[in-house]
Amino acid sequence: MKIEMNLTNNTARRAGALLTRAVELGMDVSGYGELGENARSGNVYLWLEDYNFCLYIAPCSRVVMACYSCPQDGEETMRVAGRNLYKLEQWAEKLARKSEEKGI
């Protein structure tokens, strides 16, 4: 996984919280992915190739969120990540099916 190394203390804390939550959820973080900060929004994100969603924390928040981005039109759907990987995967899979229908 690629980790952005130019992190402020606040960004590094949020990055650590994301990585911790991913491991607590049971996500495999050993594959291809990226942990960094979005320069426009200030969100710290964790994107892993093996999952249909990414995790992020907003600049002034401690809440870990999940985001699904539709590959057809870029529409983003967000929700609180929670503590259940199975529910997150089911949520993202349902959105992926809707995305496929848009492309038909």
N, C-alpha and C. Protein backbone atom coordinates (compact mmCIF):
# COMPACT_ATOMS: atom_id res chain seq x y z
N MET A 1 0.83 -1.16 0.00
CA MET A 1 0.00 0.00 0.00
C MET A 1 0.89 1.24 0.00
N LYS A 2 0.51 2.20 -0.79
CA LYS A 2 1.23 3.47 -0.85
C LYS A 2 0.70 4.38 0.26
N ILE A 3 1.61 4.96 1.04
CA ILE A 3 1.23 5.87 2.11
C ILE A 3 1.87 7.22 1.83
N GLU A 4 1.03 8.26 1.79
CA GLU A 4 1.52 9.62 1.59
C GLU A 4 2.38 9.98 2.79
N MET A 5 3.57 10.46 2.56
CA MET A 5 4.50 10.70 3.67
C MET A 5 4.54 12.17 4.11
N ASN A 6 3.93 13.08 3.40
CA ASN A 6 3.96 14.49 3.75
C ASN A 6 2.70 14.82 4.56
N LEU A 7 2.61 14.27 5.79
CA LEU A 7 1.43 14.41 6.61
C LEU A 7 1.68 15.31 7.81
N THR A 8 0.73 16.19 8.10
CA THR A 8 0.80 16.98 9.33
C THR A 8 0.45 16.07 10.50
N ASN A 9 0.63 16.54 11.72
CA ASN A 9 0.29 15.73 12.89
C ASN A 9 -1.19 15.36 12.90
N ASN A 10 -2.08 16.32 12.60
CA ASN A 10 -3.52 16.04 12.59
C ASN A 10 -3.86 15.02 11.51
N THR A 11 -3.27 15.17 10.34
CA THR A 11 -3.52 14.23 9.25
C THR A 11 -2.99 12.84 9.60
N ALA A 12 -1.83 12.78 10.21
CA ALA A 12 -1.25 11.49 10.60
C ALA A 12 -2.13 10.79 11.64
N ARG A 13 -2.72 11.54 12.58
CA ARG A 13 -3.63 10.94 13.56
C ARG A 13 -4.84 10.34 12.87
N ARG A 14 -5.42 11.08 11.92
CA ARG A 14 -6.59 10.55 11.20
C ARG A 14 -6.21 9.36 10.33
N ALA A 15 -5.02 9.39 9.73
CA ALA A 15 -4.56 8.26 8.93
C ALA A 15 -4.41 7.02 9.80
N GLY A 16 -3.85 7.21 10.99
CA GLY A 16 -3.71 6.10 11.93
C GLY A 16 -5.06 5.54 12.35
N ALA A 17 -6.03 6.43 12.58
CA ALA A 17 -7.38 5.99 12.96
C ALA A 17 -8.03 5.19 11.83
N LEU A 18 -7.81 5.61 10.58
CA LEU A 18 -8.38 4.87 9.43
C LEU A 18 -7.77 3.49 9.32
N LEU A 19 -6.47 3.43 9.42
CA LEU A 19 -5.80 2.14 9.31
C LEU A 19 -6.21 1.21 10.45
N THR A 20 -6.33 1.76 11.64
CA THR A 20 -6.78 0.97 12.79
C THR A 20 -8.18 0.44 12.57
N ARG A 21 -9.11 1.30 12.11
CA ARG A 21 -10.48 0.86 11.87
C ARG A 21 -10.54 -0.21 10.80
N ALA A 22 -9.76 -0.05 9.73
CA ALA A 22 -9.74 -1.05 8.67
C ALA A 22 -9.32 -2.41 9.22
N VAL A 23 -8.31 -2.43 10.05
CA VAL A 23 -7.84 -3.68 10.64
C VAL A 23 -8.90 -4.24 11.59
N GLU A 24 -9.52 -3.38 12.40
CA GLU A 24 -10.58 -3.82 13.31
C GLU A 24 -11.75 -4.43 12.54
N LEU A 25 -12.05 -3.87 11.37
CA LEU A 25 -13.13 -4.40 10.53
C LEU A 25 -12.77 -5.76 9.93
N GLY A 26 -11.48 -6.04 9.85
CA GLY A 26 -11.04 -7.28 9.22
C GLY A 26 -10.66 -7.11 7.77
N MET A 27 -10.49 -5.86 7.33
CA MET A 27 -10.08 -5.60 5.95
C MET A 27 -8.62 -6.03 5.76
N ASP A 28 -8.32 -6.55 4.58
CA ASP A 28 -6.95 -6.92 4.23
C ASP A 28 -6.25 -5.67 3.70
N VAL A 29 -5.32 -5.13 4.46
CA VAL A 29 -4.64 -3.91 4.06
C VAL A 29 -3.29 -4.19 3.40
N SER A 30 -3.01 -5.46 3.11
CA SER A 30 -1.71 -5.82 2.53
C SER A 30 -1.68 -5.67 1.01
N GLY A 31 -2.83 -5.48 0.39
CA GLY A 31 -2.88 -5.38 -1.07
C GLY A 31 -2.57 -3.99 -1.57
N TYR A 32 -2.86 -3.78 -2.84
CA TYR A 32 -2.61 -2.48 -3.48
C TYR A 32 -3.62 -1.47 -2.98
N GLY A 33 -3.15 -0.29 -2.60
CA GLY A 33 -4.05 0.75 -2.13
C GLY A 33 -3.28 2.02 -1.83
N GLU A 34 -3.98 2.96 -1.23
CA GLU A 34 -3.37 4.25 -0.94
C GLU A 34 -3.99 4.85 0.31
N LEU A 35 -3.16 5.43 1.14
CA LEU A 35 -3.56 6.15 2.35
C LEU A 35 -3.00 7.54 2.20
N GLY A 36 -3.87 8.55 2.19
CA GLY A 36 -3.38 9.91 1.99
C GLY A 36 -4.43 10.94 2.30
N GLU A 37 -4.14 12.17 1.91
CA GLU A 37 -5.04 13.29 2.15
C GLU A 37 -5.48 13.90 0.83
N ASN A 38 -6.79 14.13 0.69
CA ASN A 38 -7.32 14.81 -0.48
C ASN A 38 -7.03 16.30 -0.32
N ALA A 39 -6.26 16.86 -1.22
CA ALA A 39 -5.83 18.26 -1.11
C ALA A 39 -7.01 19.24 -1.18
N ARG A 40 -8.05 18.90 -1.92
CA ARG A 40 -9.20 19.81 -2.06
C ARG A 40 -10.11 19.78 -0.84
N SER A 41 -10.45 18.57 -0.36
CA SER A 41 -11.43 18.46 0.72
C SER A 41 -10.77 18.41 2.10
N GLY A 42 -9.52 18.01 2.16
CA GLY A 42 -8.86 17.82 3.43
C GLY A 42 -9.17 16.48 4.07
N ASN A 43 -10.01 15.67 3.41
CA ASN A 43 -10.33 14.35 3.93
C ASN A 43 -9.10 13.46 3.87
N VAL A 44 -8.90 12.68 4.91
CA VAL A 44 -7.87 11.64 4.90
C VAL A 44 -8.58 10.36 4.50
N TYR A 45 -8.04 9.66 3.50
CA TYR A 45 -8.74 8.50 2.94
C TYR A 45 -7.86 7.26 2.92
N LEU A 46 -8.53 6.12 2.91
CA LEU A 46 -7.89 4.83 2.73
C LEU A 46 -8.63 4.12 1.61
N TRP A 47 -7.94 3.95 0.49
CA TRP A 47 -8.52 3.25 -0.66
C TRP A 47 -7.75 1.96 -0.84
N LEU A 48 -8.48 0.86 -0.93
CA LEU A 48 -7.87 -0.46 -1.15
C LEU A 48 -8.53 -1.09 -2.37
N GLU A 49 -7.73 -1.56 -3.29
CA GLU A 49 -8.21 -2.12 -4.55
C GLU A 49 -9.21 -3.26 -4.37
N ASP A 50 -9.10 -4.00 -3.29
CA ASP A 50 -9.93 -5.18 -3.08
C ASP A 50 -11.34 -4.88 -2.58
N TYR A 51 -11.67 -3.61 -2.39
CA TYR A 51 -12.98 -3.25 -1.84
C TYR A 51 -13.68 -2.23 -2.74
N ASN A 52 -15.02 -2.29 -2.77
CA ASN A 52 -15.83 -1.39 -3.61
C ASN A 52 -16.01 -0.01 -2.98
N PHE A 53 -15.41 0.23 -1.85
CA PHE A 53 -15.60 1.48 -1.14
C PHE A 53 -14.26 1.92 -0.56
N CYS A 54 -14.20 3.18 -0.16
CA CYS A 54 -13.02 3.65 0.56
C CYS A 54 -13.49 4.18 1.91
N LEU A 55 -12.57 4.31 2.82
CA LEU A 55 -12.84 4.89 4.13
C LEU A 55 -12.23 6.28 4.17
N TYR A 56 -12.85 7.20 4.92
CA TYR A 56 -12.27 8.52 5.07
C TYR A 56 -12.71 9.17 6.37
N ILE A 57 -11.96 10.16 6.77
CA ILE A 57 -12.30 11.00 7.92
C ILE A 57 -12.16 12.45 7.46
N ALA A 58 -13.20 13.24 7.70
CA ALA A 58 -13.18 14.66 7.34
C ALA A 58 -12.24 15.43 8.28
N PRO A 59 -11.82 16.63 7.86
CA PRO A 59 -10.83 17.39 8.63
C PRO A 59 -11.19 17.64 10.10
N CYS A 60 -12.41 17.98 10.39
CA CYS A 60 -12.80 18.32 11.77
C CYS A 60 -13.68 17.25 12.38
N SER A 61 -13.38 16.00 12.10
CA SER A 61 -14.23 14.91 12.56
C SER A 61 -13.37 13.76 13.07
N ARG A 62 -14.00 12.90 13.84
CA ARG A 62 -13.36 11.66 14.28
C ARG A 62 -14.15 10.45 13.77
N VAL A 63 -15.21 10.73 13.02
CA VAL A 63 -16.10 9.68 12.53
C VAL A 63 -15.52 9.09 11.24
N VAL A 64 -15.35 7.77 11.22
CA VAL A 64 -14.88 7.09 10.02
C VAL A 64 -16.09 6.85 9.13
N MET A 65 -15.99 7.34 7.90
CA MET A 65 -17.06 7.22 6.92
C MET A 65 -16.63 6.27 5.81
N ALA A 66 -17.62 5.71 5.12
CA ALA A 66 -17.36 4.90 3.93
C ALA A 66 -17.96 5.63 2.73
N CYS A 67 -17.30 5.53 1.59
CA CYS A 67 -17.77 6.19 0.38
C CYS A 67 -17.72 5.21 -0.78
N TYR A 68 -18.85 5.12 -1.50
CA TYR A 68 -18.91 4.35 -2.74
C TYR A 68 -19.02 5.35 -3.88
N SER A 69 -18.21 5.21 -4.90
CA SER A 69 -18.24 6.10 -6.05
C SER A 69 -18.67 5.31 -7.29
N CYS A 70 -19.77 5.73 -7.89
CA CYS A 70 -20.31 5.05 -9.07
C CYS A 70 -19.35 5.21 -10.25
N PRO A 71 -18.91 4.11 -10.86
CA PRO A 71 -18.00 4.21 -11.99
C PRO A 71 -18.67 4.74 -13.27
N GLN A 72 -19.99 4.73 -13.31
CA GLN A 72 -20.72 5.20 -14.49
C GLN A 72 -20.82 6.72 -14.54
N ASP A 73 -21.16 7.34 -13.40
CA ASP A 73 -21.39 8.79 -13.41
C ASP A 73 -20.68 9.55 -12.30
N GLY A 74 -19.91 8.85 -11.48
CA GLY A 74 -19.14 9.50 -10.42
C GLY A 74 -19.94 9.88 -9.18
N GLU A 75 -21.23 9.55 -9.17
CA GLU A 75 -22.05 9.88 -8.00
C GLU A 75 -21.49 9.17 -6.77
N GLU A 76 -21.32 9.93 -5.69
CA GLU A 76 -20.77 9.37 -4.47
C GLU A 76 -21.87 9.18 -3.43
N THR A 77 -21.84 8.05 -2.75
CA THR A 77 -22.77 7.75 -1.67
C THR A 77 -21.94 7.47 -0.43
N MET A 78 -22.29 8.15 0.67
CA MET A 78 -21.52 8.01 1.89
C MET A 78 -22.39 7.46 3.02
N ARG A 79 -21.73 6.84 3.98
CA ARG A 79 -22.39 6.37 5.19
C ARG A 79 -21.33 6.22 6.28
N VAL A 80 -21.78 6.19 7.52
CA VAL A 80 -20.87 5.91 8.63
C VAL A 80 -20.36 4.48 8.44
N ALA A 81 -19.06 4.28 8.59
CA ALA A 81 -18.47 2.97 8.33
C ALA A 81 -18.96 1.91 9.32
N GLY A 82 -19.16 2.30 10.57
CA GLY A 82 -19.61 1.33 11.55
C GLY A 82 -18.51 0.35 11.91
N ARG A 83 -18.90 -0.82 12.38
CA ARG A 83 -17.92 -1.82 12.84
C ARG A 83 -18.17 -3.20 12.25
N ASN A 84 -18.91 -3.26 11.13
CA ASN A 84 -19.26 -4.55 10.55
C ASN A 84 -18.87 -4.56 9.07
N LEU A 85 -17.79 -5.25 8.74
CA LEU A 85 -17.31 -5.31 7.36
C LEU A 85 -18.34 -5.94 6.43
N TYR A 86 -19.00 -6.99 6.89
CA TYR A 86 -19.99 -7.66 6.05
C TYR A 86 -21.08 -6.67 5.61
N LYS A 87 -21.58 -5.86 6.53
CA LYS A 87 -22.62 -4.88 6.19
C LYS A 87 -22.10 -3.83 5.22
N LEU A 88 -20.85 -3.41 5.40
CA LEU A 88 -20.26 -2.45 4.46
C LEU A 88 -20.15 -3.05 3.07
N GLU A 89 -19.70 -4.29 2.99
CA GLU A 89 -19.55 -4.94 1.69
C GLU A 89 -20.91 -5.14 1.02
N GLN A 90 -21.93 -5.49 1.78
CA GLN A 90 -23.27 -5.67 1.22
C GLN A 90 -23.81 -4.33 0.71
N TRP A 91 -23.59 -3.27 1.47
CA TRP A 91 -24.01 -1.92 1.06
C TRP A 91 -23.34 -1.53 -0.26
N ALA A 92 -22.02 -1.73 -0.35
CA ALA A 92 -21.28 -1.37 -1.56
C ALA A 92 -21.68 -2.25 -2.74
N GLU A 93 -21.95 -3.52 -2.49
CA GLU A 93 -22.36 -4.44 -3.57
C GLU A 93 -23.72 -4.03 -4.13
N LYS A 94 -24.63 -3.63 -3.27
CA LYS A 94 -25.94 -3.17 -3.72
C LYS A 94 -25.79 -1.93 -4.61
N LEU A 95 -24.93 -1.00 -4.20
CA LEU A 95 -24.69 0.19 -5.00
C LEU A 95 -23.99 -0.16 -6.32
N ALA A 96 -23.10 -1.15 -6.31
CA ALA A 96 -22.42 -1.58 -7.53
C ALA A 96 -23.42 -2.15 -8.53
N ARG A 97 -24.41 -2.90 -8.04
CA ARG A 97 -25.45 -3.44 -8.94
C ARG A 97 -26.24 -2.30 -9.57
N LYS A 98 -26.58 -1.29 -8.79
CA LYS A 98 -27.29 -0.12 -9.33
C LYS A 98 -26.43 0.60 -10.36
N SER A 99 -25.13 0.65 -10.13
CA SER A 99 -24.21 1.30 -11.07
C SER A 99 -24.21 0.54 -12.41
N GLU A 100 -24.22 -0.78 -12.35
CA GLU A 100 -24.23 -1.59 -13.56
C GLU A 100 -25.50 -1.33 -14.36
N GLU A 101 -26.61 -1.16 -13.68
CA GLU A 101 -27.88 -0.89 -14.35
C GLU A 101 -27.84 0.47 -15.08
N LYS A 102 -27.12 1.43 -14.54
CA LYS A 102 -26.99 2.74 -15.18
C LYS A 102 -26.27 2.62 -16.52
N GLY A 103 -25.34 1.67 -16.61
CA GLY A 103 -24.54 1.51 -17.81
C GLY A 103 -25.22 0.74 -18.91
N ILE A 104 -26.38 0.16 -18.63
CA ILE A 104 -27.08 -0.68 -19.62
C ILE A 104 -27.84 0.17 -20.59
